[in-house]
Amino acid sequence: MDDVLRLDAVGQAQAVKDGRVSPREPAEAAIAAIEARDGELNAVIFRRFERALAEIDAIPRQAPFAGVPILLKDLGWRQAGEPYSAGSAVRDGLDGEDDYCVVRLRQAGFVLLGRTNTPEFGSTITTEPAAFGPTRNP
C-alpha cells in the first residue's frame, strides 16, 4: 500500500479508475501512515477515519478524484457534524453544514480523513496552539 502513497492525487485517482487499486486502498494507506507517524508529529488533531471509510462506497466512480484521501486544515473548511476550532480552545462544538469548498471536494470524490493542526485563528506562521500543542514538522 505504500506505493499508492507515493502517487500524487492525480496518480491515485488514475490508479482507482484503472482498477489497479480499490477505492478504499488510498484511504487505508493514508490512515495507516497517519497512525504510524502522527504520534511524534501531532499534525492530525481530528480524525474521522471510520466515517471516511464508510463514505467511500457512496462516492461516484466517475468523480475526478474518486477515492483520493485528503486532510483539511482546521482553519475554515467547515464540515457538517464535525468539530472545528480554528486552533483555539475558545471555539468548541460541531458545525451544522458543509462549507462550499467542502461540498466541492466531496463532489470531486475526495475522502475527507480529518483535520490538521493550525496556529490559533491562523494568526502566526508557526503551528503551536495552546489548544492542541505544537506540530513538529519533519
Protein backbone atom coordinates (compact mmCIF):
# COMPACT_ATOMS: atom_id res chain seq x y z
CA MET A 1 0.00 0.00 0.00
CA ASP A 2 2.96 2.34 0.41
CA ASP A 3 3.20 2.50 -3.38
CA VAL A 4 -0.15 4.29 -3.58
CA LEU A 5 1.12 6.93 -1.13
CA ARG A 6 3.99 7.75 -3.46
CA LEU A 7 1.46 8.91 -6.05
CA ASP A 8 0.04 12.42 -6.11
CA ALA A 9 -3.73 12.98 -6.14
CA VAL A 10 -3.94 12.65 -9.92
CA GLY A 11 -1.96 9.40 -9.83
CA GLN A 12 -4.08 7.96 -7.04
CA ALA A 13 -7.28 8.87 -8.86
CA GLN A 14 -5.98 7.24 -12.04
CA ALA A 15 -4.96 4.09 -10.16
CA VAL A 16 -8.52 3.82 -8.81
CA LYS A 17 -10.07 4.47 -12.23
CA ASP A 18 -7.79 1.87 -13.87
CA GLY A 19 -8.65 -0.68 -11.18
CA ARG A 20 -5.03 -1.04 -10.05
CA VAL A 21 -6.21 -0.23 -6.52
CA SER A 22 -9.64 -0.34 -4.94
CA PRO A 23 -11.29 2.96 -3.94
CA ARG A 24 -10.54 2.08 -0.27
CA GLU A 25 -6.82 1.40 -0.64
CA PRO A 26 -5.55 5.01 -0.87
CA ALA A 27 -7.54 6.00 2.24
CA GLU A 28 -6.47 2.89 4.16
CA ALA A 29 -2.82 3.55 3.25
CA ALA A 30 -3.09 7.20 4.33
CA ILE A 31 -4.75 6.21 7.61
CA ALA A 32 -2.00 3.67 8.32
CA ALA A 33 0.67 6.30 7.61
CA ILE A 34 -1.03 8.85 9.87
CA GLU A 35 -1.36 6.33 12.69
CA ALA A 36 2.29 5.30 12.30
CA ARG A 37 3.78 8.80 12.23
CA ASP A 38 1.45 11.29 13.83
CA GLY A 39 2.33 10.41 17.41
CA GLU A 40 5.57 12.35 17.14
CA LEU A 41 4.32 14.96 14.64
CA ASN A 42 1.00 16.00 16.21
CA ALA A 43 -0.30 17.11 12.83
CA VAL A 44 -3.76 15.49 12.72
CA ILE A 45 -5.96 16.79 15.53
CA PHE A 46 -9.38 15.48 14.47
CA ARG A 47 -9.64 12.04 12.92
CA ARG A 48 -12.75 10.83 11.15
CA PHE A 49 -11.31 7.61 9.78
CA GLU A 50 -14.33 5.34 10.32
CA ARG A 51 -16.75 7.86 8.85
CA ALA A 52 -14.45 8.47 5.89
CA LEU A 53 -14.14 4.76 5.14
CA ALA A 54 -17.91 4.35 5.44
CA GLU A 55 -18.46 7.17 2.92
CA ILE A 56 -16.25 5.66 0.20
CA ASP A 57 -18.92 3.37 -1.26
CA ALA A 58 -21.19 6.37 -1.90
CA ILE A 59 -18.56 8.25 -3.94
CA PRO A 60 -19.45 8.25 -7.64
CA ARG A 61 -16.73 6.35 -9.52
CA GLN A 62 -16.82 8.92 -12.33
CA ALA A 63 -15.79 11.70 -9.90
CA PRO A 64 -12.37 13.03 -10.97
CA PHE A 65 -10.70 12.27 -7.60
CA ALA A 66 -12.78 9.27 -6.52
CA GLY A 67 -11.13 7.60 -3.53
CA VAL A 68 -8.30 10.10 -3.04
CA PRO A 69 -7.75 10.87 0.67
CA ILE A 70 -7.29 14.42 1.92
CA LEU A 71 -6.88 16.20 5.24
CA LEU A 72 -8.39 19.64 5.81
CA LYS A 73 -6.64 22.42 7.70
CA ASP A 74 -8.58 23.33 10.84
CA LEU A 75 -8.94 26.90 9.59
CA GLY A 76 -12.06 27.40 7.52
CA TRP A 77 -13.29 24.35 5.59
CA ARG A 78 -16.15 23.57 7.98
CA GLN A 79 -17.88 20.20 7.74
CA ALA A 80 -21.38 19.29 8.89
CA GLY A 81 -21.33 17.37 12.16
CA GLU A 82 -17.55 17.64 12.55
CA PRO A 83 -15.54 19.62 15.10
CA TYR A 84 -13.99 22.92 14.08
CA SER A 85 -11.77 25.00 16.32
CA ALA A 86 -9.50 27.21 14.15
CA GLY A 87 -6.73 26.09 16.50
CA SER A 88 -8.43 27.58 19.54
CA ALA A 89 -9.88 26.15 22.73
CA VAL A 90 -12.39 29.03 22.63
CA ARG A 91 -14.16 27.63 19.56
CA ASP A 92 -15.99 24.46 20.51
CA GLY A 93 -18.78 22.40 19.03
CA LEU A 94 -19.90 20.88 15.78
CA ASP A 95 -20.74 22.68 12.58
CA GLY A 96 -24.18 22.49 11.01
CA GLU A 97 -23.37 22.41 7.31
CA ASP A 98 -20.53 21.90 4.87
CA ASP A 99 -18.72 24.97 3.54
CA TYR A 100 -18.94 25.40 -0.22
CA CYS A 101 -15.36 24.20 -0.72
CA VAL A 102 -16.04 21.05 1.32
CA VAL A 103 -19.12 20.36 -0.83
CA ARG A 104 -16.97 20.70 -3.95
CA LEU A 105 -14.23 18.44 -2.54
CA ARG A 106 -16.85 15.77 -1.80
CA GLN A 107 -18.35 16.15 -5.29
CA ALA A 108 -14.87 15.70 -6.76
CA GLY A 109 -14.62 12.36 -4.91
CA PHE A 110 -12.09 13.20 -2.21
CA VAL A 111 -12.20 11.16 1.00
CA LEU A 112 -12.06 13.59 3.95
CA LEU A 113 -9.97 11.88 6.64
CA GLY A 114 -9.81 14.64 9.26
CA ARG A 115 -8.31 17.99 10.20
CA THR A 116 -4.76 19.16 10.68
CA ASN A 117 -3.38 21.37 13.43
CA THR A 118 -3.19 25.11 12.80
CA PRO A 119 -1.93 28.23 14.55
CA GLU A 120 -4.69 29.71 16.71
CA PHE A 121 -7.00 31.55 14.29
CA GLY A 122 -4.17 31.40 11.72
CA SER A 123 -2.53 34.33 13.49
CA THR A 124 1.12 33.30 13.21
CA ILE A 125 3.48 31.32 10.99
CA THR A 126 4.19 28.53 13.47
CA THR A 127 1.74 25.81 14.47
CA GLU A 128 1.94 25.85 18.25
CA PRO A 129 -1.59 26.43 19.53
CA ALA A 130 -2.23 26.07 23.25
CA ALA A 131 -5.34 24.01 22.47
CA PHE A 132 -3.54 21.16 20.65
CA GLY A 133 0.18 21.64 21.15
CA PRO A 134 2.90 22.14 18.56
CA THR A 135 3.17 20.30 15.27
CA ARG A 136 6.69 19.01 14.75
CA ASN A 137 7.25 19.13 11.02
CA PRO A 138 9.95 16.71 9.89
